[in-house]
Amino acid sequence: METTEIKEKISEALVSVLGHSNFETNDELTAQDVDGWDSLSHMMIITKIEEQFDIKFKLRDLNKLKNLGSLVSVIQGKI
């Protein structure tokens, strides 16, 4: 799966959970850059992404997440 397609699916998950699209998906995007992305919505976003890609994150995967770029890398390693 190409990086662009992965980012589109992640963006869909963000919009679905957060209820808005007031952000730009780039490799440097973090939760601090997006209104409403708090610890609870973070877990909901992770769950939504797991469902969309039919994957399961392990704790060590989650510890690698620093920004959207690292999330894309972790997903690519799992699919």
PDB file of N, CA and C in Angstrom:
ATOM      1  N   MET A   1       0.852  -1.174   0.000  1.00  0.00           N
ATOM      2  CA  MET A   1       0.000   0.000   0.000  1.00  0.00           C
ATOM      3  C   MET A   1       0.901   1.241   0.000  1.00  0.00           C
ATOM      4  N   GLU A   2       0.559   2.203  -0.823  1.00  0.00           N
ATOM      5  CA  GLU A   2       1.382   3.396  -0.962  1.00  0.00           C
ATOM      6  C   GLU A   2       1.160   4.372   0.198  1.00  0.00           C
ATOM      7  N   THR A   3       2.171   5.179   0.455  1.00  0.00           N
ATOM      8  CA  THR A   3       2.127   6.156   1.540  1.00  0.00           C
ATOM      9  C   THR A   3       0.922   7.082   1.418  1.00  0.00           C
ATOM     10  N   THR A   4       0.620   7.526   0.206  1.00  0.00           N
ATOM     11  CA  THR A   4      -0.507   8.444  -0.004  1.00  0.00           C
ATOM     12  C   THR A   4      -1.820   7.797   0.417  1.00  0.00           C
ATOM     13  N   GLU A   5      -1.998   6.543   0.059  1.00  0.00           N
ATOM     14  CA  GLU A   5      -3.227   5.826   0.408  1.00  0.00           C
ATOM     15  C   GLU A   5      -3.327   5.630   1.926  1.00  0.00           C
ATOM     16  N   ILE A   6      -2.205   5.340   2.569  1.00  0.00           N
ATOM     17  CA  ILE A   6      -2.189   5.175   4.029  1.00  0.00           C
ATOM     18  C   ILE A   6      -2.567   6.499   4.698  1.00  0.00           C
ATOM     19  N   LYS A   7      -2.002   7.600   4.216  1.00  0.00           N
ATOM     20  CA  LYS A   7      -2.308   8.913   4.797  1.00  0.00           C
ATOM     21  C   LYS A   7      -3.783   9.272   4.601  1.00  0.00           C
ATOM     22  N   GLU A   8      -4.357   8.899   3.460  1.00  0.00           N
ATOM     23  CA  GLU A   8      -5.779   9.170   3.225  1.00  0.00           C
ATOM     24  C   GLU A   8      -6.642   8.421   4.226  1.00  0.00           C
ATOM     25  N   LYS A   9      -6.297   7.148   4.482  1.00  0.00           N
ATOM     26  CA  LYS A   9      -7.070   6.356   5.436  1.00  0.00           C
ATOM     27  C   LYS A   9      -6.914   6.899   6.862  1.00  0.00           C
ATOM     28  N   ILE A  10      -5.707   7.349   7.208  1.00  0.00           N
ATOM     29  CA  ILE A  10      -5.484   7.942   8.521  1.00  0.00           C
ATOM     30  C   ILE A  10      -6.310   9.218   8.653  1.00  0.00           C
ATOM     31  N   SER A  11      -6.315  10.023   7.607  1.00  0.00           N
ATOM     32  CA  SER A  11      -7.100  11.260   7.608  1.00  0.00           C
ATOM     33  C   SER A  11      -8.584  10.955   7.804  1.00  0.00           C
ATOM     34  N   GLU A  12      -9.072   9.905   7.144  1.00  0.00           N
ATOM     35  CA  GLU A  12     -10.472   9.492   7.311  1.00  0.00           C
ATOM     36  C   GLU A  12     -10.745   9.125   8.765  1.00  0.00           C
ATOM     37  N   ALA A  13      -9.817   8.422   9.392  1.00  0.00           N
ATOM     38  CA  ALA A  13      -9.978   8.037  10.800  1.00  0.00           C
ATOM     39  C   ALA A  13     -10.020   9.271  11.695  1.00  0.00           C
ATOM     40  N   LEU A  14      -9.139  10.222  11.433  1.00  0.00           N
ATOM     41  CA  LEU A  14      -9.106  11.454  12.224  1.00  0.00           C
ATOM     42  C   LEU A  14     -10.424  12.216  12.099  1.00  0.00           C
ATOM     43  N   VAL A  15     -10.902  12.379  10.877  1.00  0.00           N
ATOM     44  CA  VAL A  15     -12.156  13.102  10.648  1.00  0.00           C
ATOM     45  C   VAL A  15     -13.311  12.368  11.317  1.00  0.00           C
ATOM     46  N   SER A  16     -13.324  11.055  11.205  1.00  0.00           N
ATOM     47  CA  SER A  16     -14.398  10.248  11.790  1.00  0.00           C
ATOM     48  C   SER A  16     -14.461  10.412  13.309  1.00  0.00           C
ATOM     49  N   VAL A  17     -13.311  10.376  13.964  1.00  0.00           N
ATOM     50  CA  VAL A  17     -13.269  10.461  15.428  1.00  0.00           C
ATOM     51  C   VAL A  17     -13.420  11.898  15.915  1.00  0.00           C
ATOM     52  N   LEU A  18     -12.723  12.829  15.265  1.00  0.00           N
ATOM     53  CA  LEU A  18     -12.699  14.215  15.743  1.00  0.00           C
ATOM     54  C   LEU A  18     -13.872  15.048  15.248  1.00  0.00           C
ATOM     55  N   GLY A  19     -14.474  14.638  14.152  1.00  0.00           N
ATOM     56  CA  GLY A  19     -15.632  15.344  13.626  1.00  0.00           C
ATOM     57  C   GLY A  19     -15.307  16.620  12.862  1.00  0.00           C
ATOM     58  N   HIS A  20     -14.047  16.802  12.471  1.00  0.00           N
ATOM     59  CA  HIS A  20     -13.672  17.956  11.651  1.00  0.00           C
ATOM     60  C   HIS A  20     -12.424  17.614  10.831  1.00  0.00           C
ATOM     61  N   SER A  21     -12.165  18.452   9.843  1.00  0.00           N
ATOM     62  CA  SER A  21     -10.984  18.248   9.003  1.00  0.00           C
ATOM     63  C   SER A  21     -10.116  19.508   8.978  1.00  0.00           C
ATOM     64  N   ASN A  22     -10.029  20.175  10.117  1.00  0.00           N
ATOM     65  CA  ASN A  22      -9.254  21.410  10.234  1.00  0.00           C
ATOM     66  C   ASN A  22      -7.776  21.107  10.493  1.00  0.00           C
ATOM     67  N   PHE A  23      -7.174  20.302   9.634  1.00  0.00           N
ATOM     68  CA  PHE A  23      -5.769  19.964   9.758  1.00  0.00           C
ATOM     69  C   PHE A  23      -5.259  19.552   8.382  1.00  0.00           C
ATOM     70  N   GLU A  24      -3.952  19.604   8.231  1.00  0.00           N
ATOM     71  CA  GLU A  24      -3.312  19.197   6.991  1.00  0.00           C
ATOM     72  C   GLU A  24      -2.462  17.972   7.290  1.00  0.00           C
ATOM     73  N   THR A  25      -2.688  16.895   6.557  1.00  0.00           N
ATOM     74  CA  THR A  25      -1.927  15.679   6.820  1.00  0.00           C
ATOM     75  C   THR A  25      -0.547  15.786   6.175  1.00  0.00           C
ATOM     76  N   ASN A  26       0.454  15.964   7.012  1.00  0.00           N
ATOM     77  CA  ASN A  26       1.845  15.939   6.574  1.00  0.00           C
ATOM     78  C   ASN A  26       2.636  15.124   7.591  1.00  0.00           C
ATOM     79  N   ASP A  27       3.857  14.759   7.256  1.00  0.00           N
ATOM     80  CA  ASP A  27       4.649  13.860   8.103  1.00  0.00           C
ATOM     81  C   ASP A  27       4.925  14.415   9.495  1.00  0.00           C
ATOM     82  N   GLU A  28       4.877  15.719   9.651  1.00  0.00           N
ATOM     83  CA  GLU A  28       5.193  16.351  10.934  1.00  0.00           C
ATOM     84  C   GLU A  28       3.962  16.561  11.820  1.00  0.00           C
ATOM     85  N   LEU A  29       2.778  16.189  11.351  1.00  0.00           N
ATOM     86  CA  LEU A  29       1.540  16.395  12.107  1.00  0.00           C
ATOM     87  C   LEU A  29       1.573  15.624  13.421  1.00  0.00           C
ATOM     88  N   THR A  30       1.223  16.309  14.516  1.00  0.00           N
ATOM     89  CA  THR A  30       1.122  15.664  15.832  1.00  0.00           C
ATOM     90  C   THR A  30      -0.235  15.996  16.437  1.00  0.00           C
ATOM     91  N   ALA A  31      -0.557  15.332  17.524  1.00  0.00           N
ATOM     92  CA  ALA A  31      -1.831  15.566  18.207  1.00  0.00           C
ATOM     93  C   ALA A  31      -1.951  17.022  18.652  1.00  0.00           C
ATOM     94  N   GLN A  32      -0.847  17.643  19.005  1.00  0.00           N
ATOM     95  CA  GLN A  32      -0.863  19.039  19.459  1.00  0.00           C
ATOM     96  C   GLN A  32      -1.298  19.992  18.356  1.00  0.00           C
ATOM     97  N   ASP A  33      -1.167  19.569  17.106  1.00  0.00           N
ATOM     98  CA  ASP A  33      -1.515  20.423  15.968  1.00  0.00           C
ATOM     99  C   ASP A  33      -3.001  20.374  15.612  1.00  0.00           C
ATOM    100  N   VAL A  34      -3.752  19.458  16.232  1.00  0.00           N
ATOM    101  CA  VAL A  34      -5.137  19.221  15.821  1.00  0.00           C
ATOM    102  C   VAL A  34      -6.087  19.469  16.988  1.00  0.00           C
ATOM    103  N   ASP A  35      -7.051  20.365  16.784  1.00  0.00           N
ATOM    104  CA  ASP A  35      -8.055  20.653  17.810  1.00  0.00           C
ATOM    105  C   ASP A  35      -8.844  19.396  18.159  1.00  0.00           C
ATOM    106  N   GLY A  36      -8.990  19.143  19.451  1.00  0.00           N
ATOM    107  CA  GLY A  36      -9.802  18.026  19.906  1.00  0.00           C
ATOM    108  C   GLY A  36      -9.076  16.699  20.010  1.00  0.00           C
ATOM    109  N   TRP A  37      -7.801  16.663  19.606  1.00  0.00           N
ATOM    110  CA  TRP A  37      -7.042  15.412  19.671  1.00  0.00           C
ATOM    111  C   TRP A  37      -6.397  15.333  21.051  1.00  0.00           C
ATOM    112  N   ASP A  38      -7.124  14.704  21.985  1.00  0.00           N
ATOM    113  CA  ASP A  38      -6.628  14.532  23.346  1.00  0.00           C
ATOM    114  C   ASP A  38      -6.362  13.052  23.593  1.00  0.00           C
ATOM    115  N   SER A  39      -6.100  12.685  24.831  1.00  0.00           N
ATOM    116  CA  SER A  39      -5.731  11.297  25.132  1.00  0.00           C
ATOM    117  C   SER A  39      -6.866  10.313  24.836  1.00  0.00           C
ATOM    118  N   LEU A  40      -8.100  10.701  25.118  1.00  0.00           N
ATOM    119  CA  LEU A  40      -9.229   9.813  24.846  1.00  0.00           C
ATOM    120  C   LEU A  40      -9.444   9.656  23.343  1.00  0.00           C
ATOM    121  N   SER A  41      -9.449  10.763  22.617  1.00  0.00           N
ATOM    122  CA  SER A  41      -9.647  10.666  21.172  1.00  0.00           C
ATOM    123  C   SER A  41      -8.460   9.948  20.519  1.00  0.00           C
ATOM    124  N   HIS A  42      -7.267  10.052  21.124  1.00  0.00           N
ATOM    125  CA  HIS A  42      -6.100   9.348  20.595  1.00  0.00           C
ATOM    126  C   HIS A  42      -6.346   7.840  20.571  1.00  0.00           C
ATOM    127  N   MET A  43      -6.866   7.316  21.671  1.00  0.00           N
ATOM    128  CA  MET A  43      -7.134   5.876  21.733  1.00  0.00           C
ATOM    129  C   MET A  43      -8.223   5.484  20.734  1.00  0.00           C
ATOM    130  N   MET A  44      -9.201   6.350  20.551  1.00  0.00           N
ATOM    131  CA  MET A  44     -10.259   6.078  19.572  1.00  0.00           C
ATOM    132  C   MET A  44      -9.703   6.100  18.153  1.00  0.00           C
ATOM    133  N   ILE A  45      -8.778   7.016  17.888  1.00  0.00           N
ATOM    134  CA  ILE A  45      -8.138   7.098  16.571  1.00  0.00           C
ATOM    135  C   ILE A  45      -7.311   5.836  16.313  1.00  0.00           C
ATOM    136  N   ILE A  46      -6.538   5.414  17.303  1.00  0.00           N
ATOM    137  CA  ILE A  46      -5.719   4.203  17.158  1.00  0.00           C
ATOM    138  C   ILE A  46      -6.611   2.995  16.867  1.00  0.00           C
ATOM    139  N   THR A  47      -7.713   2.867  17.595  1.00  0.00           N
ATOM    140  CA  THR A  47      -8.652   1.759  17.381  1.00  0.00           C
ATOM    141  C   THR A  47      -9.232   1.811  15.977  1.00  0.00           C
ATOM    142  N   LYS A  48      -9.608   2.991  15.525  1.00  0.00           N
ATOM    143  CA  LYS A  48     -10.176   3.160  14.185  1.00  0.00           C
ATOM    144  C   LYS A  48      -9.148   2.772  13.116  1.00  0.00           C
ATOM    145  N   ILE A  49      -7.907   3.182  13.305  1.00  0.00           N
ATOM    146  CA  ILE A  49      -6.848   2.841  12.349  1.00  0.00           C
ATOM    147  C   ILE A  49      -6.613   1.333  12.334  1.00  0.00           C
ATOM    148  N   GLU A  50      -6.614   0.698  13.503  1.00  0.00           N
ATOM    149  CA  GLU A  50      -6.460  -0.758  13.551  1.00  0.00           C
ATOM    150  C   GLU A  50      -7.565  -1.445  12.751  1.00  0.00           C
ATOM    151  N   GLU A  51      -8.787  -0.948  12.884  1.00  0.00           N
ATOM    152  CA  GLU A  51      -9.914  -1.519  12.137  1.00  0.00           C
ATOM    153  C   GLU A  51      -9.756  -1.295  10.641  1.00  0.00           C
ATOM    154  N   GLN A  52      -9.379  -0.084  10.255  1.00  0.00           N
ATOM    155  CA  GLN A  52      -9.265   0.247   8.831  1.00  0.00           C
ATOM    156  C   GLN A  52      -8.198  -0.579   8.125  1.00  0.00           C
ATOM    157  N   PHE A  53      -7.090  -0.826   8.794  1.00  0.00           N
ATOM    158  CA  PHE A  53      -5.977  -1.545   8.175  1.00  0.00           C
ATOM    159  C   PHE A  53      -5.947  -3.020   8.563  1.00  0.00           C
ATOM    160  N   ASP A  54      -6.884  -3.442   9.409  1.00  0.00           N
ATOM    161  CA  ASP A  54      -6.941  -4.820   9.900  1.00  0.00           C
ATOM    162  C   ASP A  54      -5.592  -5.233  10.511  1.00  0.00           C
ATOM    163  N   ILE A  55      -5.116  -4.389  11.435  1.00  0.00           N
ATOM    164  CA  ILE A  55      -3.860  -4.635  12.143  1.00  0.00           C
ATOM    165  C   ILE A  55      -4.094  -4.436  13.636  1.00  0.00           C
ATOM    166  N   LYS A  56      -3.123  -4.845  14.431  1.00  0.00           N
ATOM    167  CA  LYS A  56      -3.139  -4.596  15.872  1.00  0.00           C
ATOM    168  C   LYS A  56      -1.793  -4.008  16.259  1.00  0.00           C
ATOM    169  N   PHE A  57      -1.821  -2.888  16.956  1.00  0.00           N
ATOM    170  CA  PHE A  57      -0.594  -2.274  17.436  1.00  0.00           C
ATOM    171  C   PHE A  57      -0.188  -2.921  18.754  1.00  0.00           C
ATOM    172  N   LYS A  58       1.107  -3.116  18.919  1.00  0.00           N
ATOM    173  CA  LYS A  58       1.655  -3.551  20.194  1.00  0.00           C
ATOM    174  C   LYS A  58       2.153  -2.298  20.922  1.00  0.00           C
ATOM    175  N   LEU A  59       2.403  -2.418  22.199  1.00  0.00           N
ATOM    176  CA  LEU A  59       2.871  -1.274  22.983  1.00  0.00           C
ATOM    177  C   LEU A  59       4.140  -0.681  22.382  1.00  0.00           C
ATOM    178  N   ARG A  60       5.048  -1.531  21.928  1.00  0.00           N
ATOM    179  CA  ARG A  60       6.300  -1.009  21.353  1.00  0.00           C
ATOM    180  C   ARG A  60       6.035  -0.220  20.076  1.00  0.00           C
ATOM    181  N   ASP A  61       4.976  -0.605  19.321  1.00  0.00           N
ATOM    182  CA  ASP A  61       4.599   0.167  18.131  1.00  0.00           C
ATOM    183  C   ASP A  61       4.124   1.554  18.536  1.00  0.00           C
ATOM    184  N   LEU A  62       3.286   1.605  19.560  1.00  0.00           N
ATOM    185  CA  LEU A  62       2.729   2.881  20.016  1.00  0.00           C
ATOM    186  C   LEU A  62       3.817   3.796  20.570  1.00  0.00           C
ATOM    187  N   ASN A  63       4.840   3.208  21.173  1.00  0.00           N
ATOM    188  CA  ASN A  63       5.941   4.008  21.714  1.00  0.00           C
ATOM    189  C   ASN A  63       6.774   4.657  20.611  1.00  0.00           C
ATOM    190  N   LYS A  64       6.705   4.125  19.402  1.00  0.00           N
ATOM    191  CA  LYS A  64       7.453   4.678  18.267  1.00  0.00           C
ATOM    192  C   LYS A  64       6.749   5.884  17.643  1.00  0.00           C
ATOM    193  N   LEU A  65       5.487   6.100  17.990  1.00  0.00           N
ATOM    194  CA  LEU A  65       4.701   7.145  17.344  1.00  0.00           C
ATOM    195  C   LEU A  65       5.081   8.529  17.865  1.00  0.00           C
ATOM    196  N   LYS A  66       5.665   9.315  16.987  1.00  0.00           N
ATOM    197  CA  LYS A  66       6.049  10.687  17.319  1.00  0.00           C
ATOM    198  C   LYS A  66       5.248  11.693  16.505  1.00  0.00           C
ATOM    199  N   ASN A  67       4.849  11.290  15.288  1.00  0.00           N
ATOM    200  CA  ASN A  67       4.104  12.158  14.383  1.00  0.00           C
ATOM    201  C   ASN A  67       3.451  11.286  13.300  1.00  0.00           C
ATOM    202  N   LEU A  68       2.800  11.913  12.352  1.00  0.00           N
ATOM    203  CA  LEU A  68       2.103  11.168  11.302  1.00  0.00           C
ATOM    204  C   LEU A  68       3.076  10.318  10.483  1.00  0.00           C
ATOM    205  N   GLY A  69       4.257  10.846  10.221  1.00  0.00           N
ATOM    206  CA  GLY A  69       5.256  10.099   9.456  1.00  0.00           C
ATOM    207  C   GLY A  69       5.641   8.793  10.125  1.00  0.00           C
ATOM    208  N   SER A  70       5.826   8.824  11.446  1.00  0.00           N
ATOM    209  CA  SER A  70       6.179   7.589  12.162  1.00  0.00           C
ATOM    210  C   SER A  70       5.001   6.623  12.202  1.00  0.00           C
ATOM    211  N   LEU A  71       3.772   7.146  12.259  1.00  0.00           N
ATOM    212  CA  LEU A  71       2.586   6.292  12.214  1.00  0.00           C
ATOM    213  C   LEU A  71       2.501   5.566  10.871  1.00  0.00           C
ATOM    214  N   VAL A  72       2.766   6.289   9.796  1.00  0.00           N
ATOM    215  CA  VAL A  72       2.753   5.685   8.460  1.00  0.00           C
ATOM    216  C   VAL A  72       3.798   4.574   8.385  1.00  0.00           C
ATOM    217  N   SER A  73       4.989   4.809   8.925  1.00  0.00           N
ATOM    218  CA  SER A  73       6.070   3.798   8.908  1.00  0.00           C
ATOM    219  C   SER A  73       5.669   2.548   9.671  1.00  0.00           C
ATOM    220  N   VAL A  74       5.064   2.725  10.841  1.00  0.00           N
ATOM    221  CA  VAL A  74       4.646   1.579  11.660  1.00  0.00           C
ATOM    222  C   VAL A  74       3.556   0.789  10.903  1.00  0.00           C
ATOM    223  N   ILE A  75       2.614   1.485  10.298  1.00  0.00           N
ATOM    224  CA  ILE A  75       1.549   0.811   9.543  1.00  0.00           C
ATOM    225  C   ILE A  75       2.147   0.042   8.374  1.00  0.00           C
ATOM    226  N   GLN A  76       3.071   0.650   7.642  1.00  0.00           N
ATOM    227  CA  GLN A  76       3.701  -0.017   6.506  1.00  0.00           C
ATOM    228  C   GLN A  76       4.417  -1.289   6.950  1.00  0.00           C
ATOM    229  N   GLY A  77       4.984  -1.284   8.132  1.00  0.00           N
ATOM    230  CA  GLY A  77       5.658  -2.460   8.656  1.00  0.00           C
ATOM    231  C   GLY A  77       4.708  -3.575   9.055  1.00  0.00           C
ATOM    232  N   LYS A  78       3.444  -3.254   9.228  1.00  0.00           N
ATOM    233  CA  LYS A  78       2.465  -4.244   9.671  1.00  0.00           C
ATOM    234  C   LYS A  78       1.608  -4.798   8.549  1.00  0.00           C
ATOM    235  N   ILE A  79       1.558  -4.107   7.396  1.00  0.00           N
ATOM    236  CA  ILE A  79       0.702  -4.597   6.297  1.00  0.00           C
ATOM    237  C   ILE A  79       1.532  -5.198   5.180  1.00  0.00           C
TER     238      ILE A  79
END
